[in-house]
């Protein structure tokens, strides 16, 4: 059964990785960069027009979410399962289209990119409490995950595993943050307005557009 699932995983990865073009190589390279989250972070800080303690609570919650999801994915599961990335699989690596010689770390299950992206998307979406924010951030997390398969460094199974971890960690960390806010900050009202939600959602789409333009020139 595991061999069959692994075969399906490899076939799906090869199919995704084979749909490439020079422009999309650069676009996906930009998307997968950690710096691609910078404008979204700025939008978060701009819409946090509260006192410094609430600002610290929100930032700490997001950093804690990333820490937990990354440690579960990279620190625990990857080194327990020890599943080679497709880019390090001797039976597969030679057939893959790799961009800029990038192969990633040795092990790939589960994807920390997927775990971190979806955990942030979940916790921030729940903080804003607007569907437009959730739709935008989930779209961006999916795009992040697709870039990892496009670049040939993760199987779809790696992505699915990381996504599940990210969503669960994001929800649990939101509940913890919500409890801490009510206990120590006595904050019960939503932190963000409809206008704030528009700014956050717009920052995601502006980021994608900016990276799409940047990919033309690199």
Protein backbone atom coordinates (compact mmCIF):
# COMPACT_ATOMS: atom_id res chain seq x y z
CA UNK A 1 0.00 0.00 0.00
CA UNK A 2 2.78 2.44 0.94
CA UNK A 3 4.63 1.61 -2.28
CA UNK A 4 1.49 2.35 -4.29
CA UNK A 5 0.93 5.69 -2.53
CA UNK A 6 4.59 6.58 -2.99
CA UNK A 7 4.30 5.78 -6.70
CA UNK A 8 1.24 8.03 -7.04
CA UNK A 9 3.07 10.76 -5.12
CA UNK A 10 6.06 10.57 -7.46
CA UNK A 11 3.92 10.59 -10.59
CA UNK A 12 1.99 13.64 -9.40
CA UNK A 13 5.22 15.48 -8.54
CA UNK A 14 6.78 14.71 -11.92
CA UNK A 15 3.63 15.94 -13.68
CA UNK A 16 3.61 19.22 -11.74
CA UNK A 17 7.36 19.74 -12.10
CA UNK A 18 7.23 19.12 -15.85
CA UNK A 19 4.87 22.08 -16.42
CA UNK A 20 7.60 24.70 -16.42
CA UNK A 21 8.78 27.72 -18.39
CA UNK A 22 11.62 30.23 -17.87
CA UNK A 23 9.28 32.95 -16.62
CA UNK A 24 7.50 30.70 -14.15
CA UNK A 25 10.87 29.41 -12.91
CA UNK A 26 11.65 32.92 -11.70
CA UNK A 27 8.12 33.62 -10.46
CA UNK A 28 8.06 30.48 -8.33
CA UNK A 29 11.56 31.25 -7.11
CA UNK A 30 10.31 34.63 -5.89
CA UNK A 31 7.16 33.14 -4.33
CA UNK A 32 9.09 30.55 -2.32
CA UNK A 33 11.38 33.18 -0.78
CA UNK A 34 10.77 34.05 2.88
CA UNK A 35 10.96 37.73 1.89
CA UNK A 36 7.76 37.27 -0.10
CA UNK A 37 5.85 37.71 3.19
CA UNK A 38 7.28 41.16 3.93
CA UNK A 39 4.43 43.29 2.53
CA UNK A 40 1.87 41.11 4.32
CA UNK A 41 3.77 41.64 7.58
CA UNK A 42 3.78 45.39 6.97
CA UNK A 43 0.00 45.31 6.37
CA UNK A 44 -0.44 43.50 9.68
CA UNK A 45 1.58 46.11 11.57
CA UNK A 46 -0.21 49.00 9.83
CA UNK A 47 -3.65 47.67 10.76
CA UNK A 48 -2.64 47.03 14.38
CA UNK A 49 -3.56 50.49 15.60
CA UNK A 50 -3.68 49.47 19.23
CA UNK A 51 -1.46 49.96 22.24
CA UNK A 52 1.98 48.39 22.30
CA UNK A 53 0.90 45.51 24.55
CA UNK A 54 -1.70 44.28 22.08
CA UNK A 55 0.82 44.67 19.28
CA UNK A 56 3.27 42.49 21.21
CA UNK A 57 0.55 39.92 21.93
CA UNK A 58 -0.32 39.56 18.24
CA UNK A 59 3.30 39.44 17.02
CA UNK A 60 4.24 36.98 19.78
CA UNK A 61 1.29 34.75 18.87
CA UNK A 62 2.32 34.66 15.20
CA UNK A 63 5.97 33.98 16.00
CA UNK A 64 4.94 31.25 18.45
CA UNK A 65 2.71 29.71 15.77
CA UNK A 66 5.58 29.60 13.28
CA UNK A 67 7.94 28.17 15.90
CA UNK A 68 5.57 25.35 16.83
CA UNK A 69 4.63 24.40 13.27
CA UNK A 70 8.27 24.50 12.15
CA UNK A 71 9.50 22.42 15.08
CA UNK A 72 6.81 19.78 14.56
CA UNK A 73 7.45 19.60 10.83
CA UNK A 74 11.23 20.06 10.57
CA UNK A 75 12.47 19.32 14.06
CA UNK A 76 10.35 16.25 14.79
CA UNK A 77 8.67 14.60 11.81
CA UNK A 78 11.35 15.08 9.13
CA UNK A 79 14.08 13.51 11.22
CA UNK A 80 11.79 10.71 12.39
CA UNK A 81 10.36 9.70 9.01
CA UNK A 82 13.56 10.51 7.03
CA UNK A 83 11.84 10.59 3.64
CA UNK A 84 14.22 11.91 1.02
CA UNK A 85 13.13 14.95 -0.92
CA UNK A 86 12.49 14.23 -4.61
CA UNK A 87 15.52 16.42 -5.41
CA UNK A 88 17.67 14.05 -3.29
CA UNK A 89 16.05 10.82 -4.46
CA UNK A 90 18.68 9.09 -6.66
CA UNK A 91 15.94 7.39 -8.70
CA UNK A 92 14.15 10.65 -9.44
CA UNK A 93 16.47 13.65 -9.10
CA UNK A 94 17.97 13.36 -12.59
CA UNK A 95 14.54 13.62 -14.22
CA UNK A 96 13.44 16.74 -12.34
CA UNK A 97 13.60 20.33 -13.51
CA UNK A 98 15.46 22.18 -10.75
CA UNK A 99 15.68 25.97 -10.62
CA UNK A 100 18.99 27.72 -9.83
CA UNK A 101 20.43 24.41 -8.69
CA UNK A 102 18.22 24.48 -5.58
CA UNK A 103 17.65 21.09 -3.95
CA UNK A 104 16.65 21.96 -0.37
CA UNK A 105 17.53 19.95 2.71
CA UNK A 106 17.89 16.17 2.71
CA UNK A 107 14.43 15.23 4.04
CA UNK A 108 11.05 16.50 2.89
CA UNK A 109 8.20 14.97 4.89
CA UNK A 110 6.50 17.00 6.10
CA UNK A 111 6.92 20.31 4.29
CA UNK A 112 7.80 23.07 6.74
CA UNK A 113 6.94 25.62 4.03
CA UNK A 114 3.40 24.22 3.95
CA UNK A 115 3.16 23.94 7.73
CA UNK A 116 4.41 27.47 8.34
CA UNK A 117 2.39 29.07 5.53
CA UNK A 118 -0.89 27.48 6.55
CA UNK A 119 -0.33 28.03 10.28
CA UNK A 120 0.22 31.75 9.68
CA UNK A 121 -2.70 31.93 7.24
CA UNK A 122 -4.98 30.26 9.78
CA UNK A 123 -4.01 32.22 12.89
CA UNK A 124 -4.03 35.60 11.13
CA UNK A 125 -7.33 34.86 9.36
CA UNK A 126 -8.99 33.99 12.65
CA UNK A 127 -7.61 37.16 14.24
CA UNK A 128 -9.13 39.33 11.50
CA UNK A 129 -12.44 37.41 11.41
CA UNK A 130 -13.20 38.36 7.80
CA UNK A 131 -13.67 35.91 4.96
CA UNK A 132 -11.79 38.09 2.50
CA UNK A 133 -8.67 37.81 4.64
CA UNK A 134 -8.98 34.05 4.95
CA UNK A 135 -9.56 33.67 1.21
CA UNK A 136 -6.51 35.80 0.37
CA UNK A 137 -4.16 34.18 2.88
CA UNK A 138 -5.25 30.63 2.05
CA UNK A 139 -4.73 31.40 -1.64
CA UNK A 140 -1.24 32.65 -0.85
CA UNK A 141 -0.44 29.57 1.26
CA UNK A 142 -1.58 27.32 -1.61
CA UNK A 143 0.63 29.28 -4.01
CA UNK A 144 3.56 28.86 -1.62
CA UNK A 145 2.95 25.12 -1.54
CA UNK A 146 2.61 24.84 -5.30
CA UNK A 147 5.97 26.60 -5.70
CA UNK A 148 7.65 23.88 -3.63
CA UNK A 149 6.34 21.15 -5.94
CA UNK A 150 7.10 23.22 -9.04
CA UNK A 151 10.71 23.57 -7.85
CA UNK A 152 10.92 19.81 -7.35
CA UNK A 153 11.77 19.87 -3.65
CA UNK A 154 8.52 18.42 -2.21
CA UNK A 155 6.10 15.66 -3.10
CA UNK A 156 2.36 16.41 -2.91
CA UNK A 157 2.26 14.09 0.12
CA UNK A 158 4.82 16.29 1.88
CA UNK A 159 2.60 19.29 1.19
CA UNK A 160 -0.58 17.58 2.42
CA UNK A 161 1.12 16.54 5.65
CA UNK A 162 2.49 20.04 6.23
CA UNK A 163 -0.88 21.61 5.45
CA UNK A 164 -2.66 19.49 8.06
CA UNK A 165 -0.05 20.38 10.68
CA UNK A 166 -0.24 24.07 9.79
CA UNK A 167 -4.02 24.30 9.98
CA UNK A 168 -4.15 22.48 13.32
CA UNK A 169 -1.31 24.48 14.86
CA UNK A 170 -2.76 27.75 13.57
CA UNK A 171 -6.17 27.01 15.09
CA UNK A 172 -4.73 25.87 18.43
CA UNK A 173 -2.43 28.89 18.67
CA UNK A 174 -5.35 31.19 17.89
CA UNK A 175 -7.36 29.68 20.72
CA UNK A 176 -4.39 30.10 23.06
CA UNK A 177 -3.93 33.72 21.95
CA UNK A 178 -7.65 34.40 22.36
CA UNK A 179 -7.58 33.01 25.91
CA UNK A 180 -4.47 35.08 26.77
CA UNK A 181 -6.04 38.25 25.32
CA UNK A 182 -9.16 37.85 27.41
CA UNK A 183 -7.27 36.91 30.57
CA UNK A 184 -4.52 39.55 30.58
CA UNK A 185 -5.66 42.22 28.12
CA UNK A 186 -9.40 42.01 28.84
CA UNK A 187 -9.98 42.36 25.11
CA UNK A 188 -13.25 40.92 23.81
CA UNK A 189 -13.97 43.06 20.75
CA UNK A 190 -12.48 42.28 17.32
CA UNK A 191 -9.08 43.90 16.88
CA UNK A 192 -9.55 44.58 13.18
CA UNK A 193 -12.17 46.53 11.22
CA UNK A 194 -13.57 45.86 7.78
CA UNK A 195 -11.16 48.46 6.41
CA UNK A 196 -8.26 46.65 8.09
CA UNK A 197 -9.38 43.42 6.45
CA UNK A 198 -9.40 45.10 3.06
CA UNK A 199 -5.84 46.31 3.60
CA UNK A 200 -4.64 42.85 4.62
CA UNK A 201 -6.35 41.06 1.74
CA UNK A 202 -5.10 43.67 -0.72
CA UNK A 203 -1.53 43.25 0.51
CA UNK A 204 -1.64 39.60 -0.52
CA UNK A 205 -2.79 40.30 -4.06
CA UNK A 206 -0.37 43.24 -4.40
CA UNK A 207 2.43 40.92 -3.28
CA UNK A 208 1.57 38.37 -5.96
CA UNK A 209 1.35 41.08 -8.63
CA UNK A 210 4.66 42.62 -7.53
CA UNK A 211 6.44 39.25 -7.60
CA UNK A 212 4.93 38.51 -11.01
CA UNK A 213 6.44 41.76 -12.32
CA UNK A 214 9.76 41.18 -10.54
CA UNK A 215 10.06 37.76 -12.20
CA UNK A 216 10.20 39.45 -15.61
CA UNK A 217 13.42 41.27 -14.74
CA UNK A 218 15.43 38.58 -12.98
